[in-house]
């Protein structure tokens, strides 16, 4: 079955470019296009896309607003941000909102296609520029406020989720053990991967052990 994809971006050239890329892949299908943030949830409710490609900010809204609306309507579409702005603050905000991926509009066609395929499999994807942005954001935050440098890189909940990953538990088993929803566990995992600059759970466990965040 083809992946149903909704494209949302305020820039006509970006929308046209994404439509061209998606239409060139036999396993993908563009089911809708919009240039307004406040249209995304309504279109998603009607068209039921599997994946939403979107810019981070629109004149009439932003990704956190979109993600909140999708969750409120019970729409399970996975959101990918393809943005001009890969600053750490923007990436951090998108991760908190629950996006699955964040990449730059400057990425090659092949990277965009790879990102969509990985997200369709339930995996996360953050481009090098997005990962570098979040790392700079965290470093700058600690420099501006030295007290923040004394705080752990990962929150207590993220450490708990990471320890479950070290035990080889799936997101579903972790959710049962920690009495959280599966979506919350997946959001914590995405945050962990970006903070530790790793692509997956095994990498996160290795890096966390290296940094002595877990033992």
C-alpha atoms as a PDB file:
ATOM      1  CA  UNK A   1       0.000   0.000   0.000  1.00  0.00           C
ATOM      2  CA  UNK A   2       1.261   3.463  -0.866  1.00  0.00           C
ATOM      3  CA  UNK A   3       2.184   5.935   1.846  1.00  0.00           C
ATOM      4  CA  UNK A   4      -0.432   8.697   1.847  1.00  0.00           C
ATOM      5  CA  UNK A   5       1.335  12.037   2.274  1.00  0.00           C
ATOM      6  CA  UNK A   6      -0.033  15.513   3.032  1.00  0.00           C
ATOM      7  CA  UNK A   7       2.252  18.431   2.140  1.00  0.00           C
ATOM      8  CA  UNK A   8       2.013  21.762   3.949  1.00  0.00           C
ATOM      9  CA  UNK A   9       4.286  24.757   3.370  1.00  0.00           C
ATOM     10  CA  UNK A  10       3.646  28.495   2.939  1.00  0.00           C
ATOM     11  CA  UNK A  11       6.069  28.754  -0.019  1.00  0.00           C
ATOM     12  CA  UNK A  12       4.678  27.756  -3.469  1.00  0.00           C
ATOM     13  CA  UNK A  13       8.073  26.675  -4.830  1.00  0.00           C
ATOM     14  CA  UNK A  14       8.709  24.440  -1.814  1.00  0.00           C
ATOM     15  CA  UNK A  15       5.274  22.830  -2.145  1.00  0.00           C
ATOM     16  CA  UNK A  16       5.804  22.233  -5.857  1.00  0.00           C
ATOM     17  CA  UNK A  17       9.259  20.772  -5.229  1.00  0.00           C
ATOM     18  CA  UNK A  18       7.969  18.381  -2.581  1.00  0.00           C
ATOM     19  CA  UNK A  19       5.054  17.311  -4.773  1.00  0.00           C
ATOM     20  CA  UNK A  20       7.537  16.579  -7.575  1.00  0.00           C
ATOM     21  CA  UNK A  21       9.774  14.523  -5.267  1.00  0.00           C
ATOM     22  CA  UNK A  22       6.918  12.533  -3.720  1.00  0.00           C
ATOM     23  CA  UNK A  23       5.253  11.892  -7.067  1.00  0.00           C
ATOM     24  CA  UNK A  24       8.494  10.397  -8.423  1.00  0.00           C
ATOM     25  CA  UNK A  25       8.414   7.557  -5.882  1.00  0.00           C
ATOM     26  CA  UNK A  26       5.984   4.718  -6.729  1.00  0.00           C
ATOM     27  CA  UNK A  27       5.374   3.825  -3.079  1.00  0.00           C
ATOM     28  CA  UNK A  28       4.351   7.400  -2.157  1.00  0.00           C
ATOM     29  CA  UNK A  29       1.145   9.271  -2.939  1.00  0.00           C
ATOM     30  CA  UNK A  30       0.365  12.964  -2.428  1.00  0.00           C
ATOM     31  CA  UNK A  31      -3.184  13.128  -1.072  1.00  0.00           C
ATOM     32  CA  UNK A  32      -3.314  16.837  -0.309  1.00  0.00           C
ATOM     33  CA  UNK A  33      -1.468  20.155  -0.308  1.00  0.00           C
ATOM     34  CA  UNK A  34      -1.977  23.264   1.813  1.00  0.00           C
ATOM     35  CA  UNK A  35      -0.248  26.573   2.459  1.00  0.00           C
ATOM     36  CA  UNK A  36      -1.872  27.282   5.824  1.00  0.00           C
ATOM     37  CA  UNK A  37      -1.177  25.814   9.255  1.00  0.00           C
ATOM     38  CA  UNK A  38      -4.822  26.001  10.262  1.00  0.00           C
ATOM     39  CA  UNK A  39      -5.773  23.817   7.264  1.00  0.00           C
ATOM     40  CA  UNK A  40      -3.455  20.943   8.157  1.00  0.00           C
ATOM     41  CA  UNK A  41      -5.578  19.315  10.865  1.00  0.00           C
ATOM     42  CA  UNK A  42      -8.808  19.693   8.884  1.00  0.00           C
ATOM     43  CA  UNK A  43      -7.252  18.182   5.758  1.00  0.00           C
ATOM     44  CA  UNK A  44      -5.617  15.412   7.764  1.00  0.00           C
ATOM     45  CA  UNK A  45      -8.950  14.543   9.363  1.00  0.00           C
ATOM     46  CA  UNK A  46     -10.605  14.290   5.942  1.00  0.00           C
ATOM     47  CA  UNK A  47      -7.747  12.753   3.917  1.00  0.00           C
ATOM     48  CA  UNK A  48      -6.202  10.500   6.608  1.00  0.00           C
ATOM     49  CA  UNK A  49      -2.557  10.787   5.511  1.00  0.00           C
ATOM     50  CA  UNK A  50       0.033   8.458   6.965  1.00  0.00           C
ATOM     51  CA  UNK A  51       2.692  11.192   6.899  1.00  0.00           C
ATOM     52  CA  UNK A  52       2.593  14.992   6.979  1.00  0.00           C
ATOM     53  CA  UNK A  53       5.469  17.024   5.530  1.00  0.00           C
ATOM     54  CA  UNK A  54       5.480  20.537   6.922  1.00  0.00           C
ATOM     55  CA  UNK A  55       7.489  23.690   7.458  1.00  0.00           C
ATOM     56  CA  UNK A  56       8.171  24.599  11.090  1.00  0.00           C
ATOM     57  CA  UNK A  57       6.537  28.046  11.056  1.00  0.00           C
ATOM     58  CA  UNK A  58       3.667  29.532   9.052  1.00  0.00           C
ATOM     59  CA  UNK A  59       2.253  33.078   9.138  1.00  0.00           C
ATOM     60  CA  UNK A  60      -0.829  31.631  10.861  1.00  0.00           C
ATOM     61  CA  UNK A  61       0.716  29.010  13.146  1.00  0.00           C
ATOM     62  CA  UNK A  62       3.513  26.573  13.868  1.00  0.00           C
ATOM     63  CA  UNK A  63       4.226  22.855  14.197  1.00  0.00           C
ATOM     64  CA  UNK A  64       3.462  22.613  17.949  1.00  0.00           C
ATOM     65  CA  UNK A  65      -0.022  23.972  17.215  1.00  0.00           C
ATOM     66  CA  UNK A  66      -0.450  21.481  14.361  1.00  0.00           C
ATOM     67  CA  UNK A  67       0.711  18.511  16.465  1.00  0.00           C
ATOM     68  CA  UNK A  68      -1.608  19.482  19.308  1.00  0.00           C
ATOM     69  CA  UNK A  69      -4.512  19.631  16.868  1.00  0.00           C
ATOM     70  CA  UNK A  70      -3.679  16.244  15.368  1.00  0.00           C
ATOM     71  CA  UNK A  71      -3.517  14.621  18.793  1.00  0.00           C
ATOM     72  CA  UNK A  72      -6.739  16.291  19.847  1.00  0.00           C
ATOM     73  CA  UNK A  73      -8.517  14.838  16.816  1.00  0.00           C
ATOM     74  CA  UNK A  74      -6.980  11.401  17.296  1.00  0.00           C
ATOM     75  CA  UNK A  75      -5.182  11.561  13.948  1.00  0.00           C
ATOM     76  CA  UNK A  76      -2.168   9.184  13.989  1.00  0.00           C
ATOM     77  CA  UNK A  77      -0.261  10.799  11.088  1.00  0.00           C
ATOM     78  CA  UNK A  78       3.500  11.046  11.603  1.00  0.00           C
ATOM     79  CA  UNK A  79       4.874  14.570  11.183  1.00  0.00           C
ATOM     80  CA  UNK A  80       8.123  15.438   9.383  1.00  0.00           C
ATOM     81  CA  UNK A  81       9.459  18.991   9.483  1.00  0.00           C
ATOM     82  CA  UNK A  82      11.314  20.115   6.356  1.00  0.00           C
ATOM     83  CA  UNK A  83      12.400  23.628   7.232  1.00  0.00           C
ATOM     84  CA  UNK A  84      14.643  26.520   6.268  1.00  0.00           C
ATOM     85  CA  UNK A  85      15.443  26.933   9.959  1.00  0.00           C
ATOM     86  CA  UNK A  86      17.350  24.156  11.728  1.00  0.00           C
ATOM     87  CA  UNK A  87      18.276  26.151  14.814  1.00  0.00           C
ATOM     88  CA  UNK A  88      18.488  24.163  18.020  1.00  0.00           C
ATOM     89  CA  UNK A  89      15.613  26.092  19.550  1.00  0.00           C
ATOM     90  CA  UNK A  90      13.356  25.207  16.618  1.00  0.00           C
ATOM     91  CA  UNK A  91      14.407  21.548  16.594  1.00  0.00           C
ATOM     92  CA  UNK A  92      13.928  21.300  20.363  1.00  0.00           C
ATOM     93  CA  UNK A  93      10.440  22.802  20.061  1.00  0.00           C
ATOM     94  CA  UNK A  94       9.526  20.365  17.283  1.00  0.00           C
ATOM     95  CA  UNK A  95      10.775  17.367  19.264  1.00  0.00           C
ATOM     96  CA  UNK A  96       8.726  18.442  22.273  1.00  0.00           C
ATOM     97  CA  UNK A  97       5.682  18.689  20.008  1.00  0.00           C
ATOM     98  CA  UNK A  98       6.150  15.087  18.902  1.00  0.00           C
ATOM     99  CA  UNK A  99       7.533  15.213  15.358  1.00  0.00           C
ATOM    100  CA  UNK A 100       9.254  12.106  14.000  1.00  0.00           C
ATOM    101  CA  UNK A 101      11.847  13.877  11.874  1.00  0.00           C
ATOM    102  CA  UNK A 102      13.433  17.260  11.227  1.00  0.00           C
ATOM    103  CA  UNK A 103      15.503  18.010   8.140  1.00  0.00           C
ATOM    104  CA  UNK A 104      16.675  21.037   6.194  1.00  0.00           C
ATOM    105  CA  UNK A 105      15.060  22.147   2.945  1.00  0.00           C
ATOM    106  CA  UNK A 106      18.589  22.117   1.522  1.00  0.00           C
ATOM    107  CA  UNK A 107      18.798  18.323   1.752  1.00  0.00           C
ATOM    108  CA  UNK A 108      19.029  16.280  -1.425  1.00  0.00           C
ATOM    109  CA  UNK A 109      15.983  14.508  -2.843  1.00  0.00           C
ATOM    110  CA  UNK A 110      17.448  11.157  -1.776  1.00  0.00           C
ATOM    111  CA  UNK A 111      17.670  12.273   1.861  1.00  0.00           C
ATOM    112  CA  UNK A 112      14.035  13.405   1.893  1.00  0.00           C
ATOM    113  CA  UNK A 113      12.925  10.063   0.450  1.00  0.00           C
ATOM    114  CA  UNK A 114      15.064   8.135   2.954  1.00  0.00           C
ATOM    115  CA  UNK A 115      13.590  10.209   5.783  1.00  0.00           C
ATOM    116  CA  UNK A 116      10.016   9.437   4.727  1.00  0.00           C
ATOM    117  CA  UNK A 117      10.758   5.732   4.442  1.00  0.00           C
ATOM    118  CA  UNK A 118      12.309   5.586   7.901  1.00  0.00           C
ATOM    119  CA  UNK A 119       9.465   7.519   9.494  1.00  0.00           C
ATOM    120  CA  UNK A 120       6.968   5.223   7.804  1.00  0.00           C
ATOM    121  CA  UNK A 121       8.736   2.340   9.585  1.00  0.00           C
ATOM    122  CA  UNK A 122       8.229   4.141  12.891  1.00  0.00           C
ATOM    123  CA  UNK A 123      11.819   5.354  13.115  1.00  0.00           C
ATOM    124  CA  UNK A 124      13.063   8.881  13.734  1.00  0.00           C
ATOM    125  CA  UNK A 125      15.291  10.901  11.419  1.00  0.00           C
ATOM    126  CA  UNK A 126      17.196  14.108  12.124  1.00  0.00           C
ATOM    127  CA  UNK A 127      19.537  15.546   9.508  1.00  0.00           C
ATOM    128  CA  UNK A 128      23.102  16.468  10.392  1.00  0.00           C
ATOM    129  CA  UNK A 129      22.170  20.167  10.389  1.00  0.00           C
ATOM    130  CA  UNK A 130      19.275  19.568  12.784  1.00  0.00           C
ATOM    131  CA  UNK A 131      21.433  17.473  15.128  1.00  0.00           C
ATOM    132  CA  UNK A 132      24.187  20.074  15.097  1.00  0.00           C
ATOM    133  CA  UNK A 133      21.608  22.750  15.832  1.00  0.00           C
ATOM    134  CA  UNK A 134      20.293  20.996  18.943  1.00  0.00           C
ATOM    135  CA  UNK A 135      23.832  20.346  20.200  1.00  0.00           C
ATOM    136  CA  UNK A 136      24.743  24.040  19.793  1.00  0.00           C
ATOM    137  CA  UNK A 137      21.495  24.991  21.503  1.00  0.00           C
ATOM    138  CA  UNK A 138      22.268  22.840  24.544  1.00  0.00           C
ATOM    139  CA  UNK A 139      25.870  24.098  24.729  1.00  0.00           C
ATOM    140  CA  UNK A 140      24.820  27.737  24.435  1.00  0.00           C
ATOM    141  CA  UNK A 141      22.109  27.251  27.048  1.00  0.00           C
ATOM    142  CA  UNK A 142      24.675  25.990  29.526  1.00  0.00           C
ATOM    143  CA  UNK A 143      27.058  28.874  28.743  1.00  0.00           C
ATOM    144  CA  UNK A 144      24.345  31.497  29.220  1.00  0.00           C
ATOM    145  CA  UNK A 145      23.192  30.001  32.510  1.00  0.00           C
ATOM    146  CA  UNK A 146      25.987  28.021  34.228  1.00  0.00           C
ATOM    147  CA  UNK A 147      23.466  26.578  36.674  1.00  0.00           C
ATOM    148  CA  UNK A 148      21.905  24.659  33.798  1.00  0.00           C
ATOM    149  CA  UNK A 149      25.220  22.953  33.145  1.00  0.00           C
ATOM    150  CA  UNK A 150      24.844  21.314  36.546  1.00  0.00           C
ATOM    151  CA  UNK A 151      21.576  19.750  35.455  1.00  0.00           C
ATOM    152  CA  UNK A 152      21.712  16.312  33.832  1.00  0.00           C
ATOM    153  CA  UNK A 153      21.634  16.139  30.036  1.00  0.00           C
ATOM    154  CA  UNK A 154      18.689  13.750  30.264  1.00  0.00           C
ATOM    155  CA  UNK A 155      15.647  14.122  32.485  1.00  0.00           C
ATOM    156  CA  UNK A 156      14.798  11.486  35.094  1.00  0.00           C
ATOM    157  CA  UNK A 157      12.069  10.091  32.841  1.00  0.00           C
ATOM    158  CA  UNK A 158      14.434   9.940  29.881  1.00  0.00           C
ATOM    159  CA  UNK A 159      16.959   8.060  32.019  1.00  0.00           C
ATOM    160  CA  UNK A 160      14.233   5.596  33.025  1.00  0.00           C
ATOM    161  CA  UNK A 161      13.261   5.099  29.366  1.00  0.00           C
ATOM    162  CA  UNK A 162      16.911   4.648  28.406  1.00  0.00           C
ATOM    163  CA  UNK A 163      17.455   2.024  31.105  1.00  0.00           C
ATOM    164  CA  UNK A 164      14.541   0.058  29.661  1.00  0.00           C
ATOM    165  CA  UNK A 165      16.151   0.292  26.229  1.00  0.00           C
ATOM    166  CA  UNK A 166      19.362  -1.053  27.767  1.00  0.00           C
ATOM    167  CA  UNK A 167      17.331  -4.045  28.963  1.00  0.00           C
ATOM    168  CA  UNK A 168      16.152  -4.599  25.395  1.00  0.00           C
ATOM    169  CA  UNK A 169      12.541  -3.616  26.083  1.00  0.00           C
ATOM    170  CA  UNK A 170      10.353  -2.389  23.223  1.00  0.00           C
ATOM    171  CA  UNK A 171       8.470   0.902  23.386  1.00  0.00           C
ATOM    172  CA  UNK A 172       5.305  -1.037  24.242  1.00  0.00           C
ATOM    173  CA  UNK A 173       6.977  -2.995  27.072  1.00  0.00           C
ATOM    174  CA  UNK A 174       8.604   0.193  28.354  1.00  0.00           C
ATOM    175  CA  UNK A 175       5.214   1.913  28.405  1.00  0.00           C
ATOM    176  CA  UNK A 176       3.768  -0.946  30.491  1.00  0.00           C
ATOM    177  CA  UNK A 177       6.694  -0.921  32.909  1.00  0.00           C
ATOM    178  CA  UNK A 178       6.759   2.853  33.413  1.00  0.00           C
ATOM    179  CA  UNK A 179       2.971   3.305  33.289  1.00  0.00           C
ATOM    180  CA  UNK A 180       3.107   5.755  30.365  1.00  0.00           C
ATOM    181  CA  UNK A 181       1.518   5.780  26.938  1.00  0.00           C
ATOM    182  CA  UNK A 182       3.451   4.318  24.014  1.00  0.00           C
ATOM    183  CA  UNK A 183       3.424   7.704  22.253  1.00  0.00           C
ATOM    184  CA  UNK A 184       4.994   9.330  25.328  1.00  0.00           C
ATOM    185  CA  UNK A 185       7.737   6.693  25.381  1.00  0.00           C
ATOM    186  CA  UNK A 186       8.426   7.259  21.692  1.00  0.00           C
ATOM    187  CA  UNK A 187       8.646  11.019  22.222  1.00  0.00           C
ATOM    188  CA  UNK A 188      11.105  10.489  25.088  1.00  0.00           C
ATOM    189  CA  UNK A 189      13.182   8.222  22.854  1.00  0.00           C
ATOM    190  CA  UNK A 190      13.280  10.824  20.083  1.00  0.00           C
ATOM    191  CA  UNK A 191      14.442  13.448  22.561  1.00  0.00           C
ATOM    192  CA  UNK A 192      17.157  11.094  23.881  1.00  0.00           C
ATOM    193  CA  UNK A 193      18.451  10.321  20.381  1.00  0.00           C
ATOM    194  CA  UNK A 194      18.804  14.001  19.502  1.00  0.00           C
ATOM    195  CA  UNK A 195      20.362  15.013  22.825  1.00  0.00           C
ATOM    196  CA  UNK A 196      22.934  12.223  22.558  1.00  0.00           C
ATOM    197  CA  UNK A 197      23.377  12.736  18.795  1.00  0.00           C
ATOM    198  CA  UNK A 198      22.685   9.075  17.962  1.00  0.00           C
ATOM    199  CA  UNK A 199      20.327   7.464  15.402  1.00  0.00           C
ATOM    200  CA  UNK A 200      18.770   4.677  17.449  1.00  0.00           C
ATOM    201  CA  UNK A 201      18.306   2.956  20.811  1.00  0.00           C
ATOM    202  CA  UNK A 202      21.507   0.850  20.697  1.00  0.00           C
ATOM    203  CA  UNK A 203      23.511   3.972  19.915  1.00  0.00           C
ATOM    204  CA  UNK A 204      21.805   5.841  22.758  1.00  0.00           C
ATOM    205  CA  UNK A 205      22.580   3.065  25.241  1.00  0.00           C
ATOM    206  CA  UNK A 206      26.234   2.927  24.170  1.00  0.00           C
ATOM    207  CA  UNK A 207      26.647   6.711  24.319  1.00  0.00           C
ATOM    208  CA  UNK A 208      24.871   6.971  27.688  1.00  0.00           C
ATOM    209  CA  UNK A 209      27.090   4.279  29.170  1.00  0.00           C
ATOM    210  CA  UNK A 210      30.150   6.020  27.738  1.00  0.00           C
ATOM    211  CA  UNK A 211      29.079   9.259  29.413  1.00  0.00           C
ATOM    212  CA  UNK A 212      28.207   7.339  32.605  1.00  0.00           C
ATOM    213  CA  UNK A 213      24.581   8.482  32.422  1.00  0.00           C
ATOM    214  CA  UNK A 214      23.579   4.862  33.030  1.00  0.00           C
ATOM    215  CA  UNK A 215      25.563   1.832  34.115  1.00  0.00           C
END
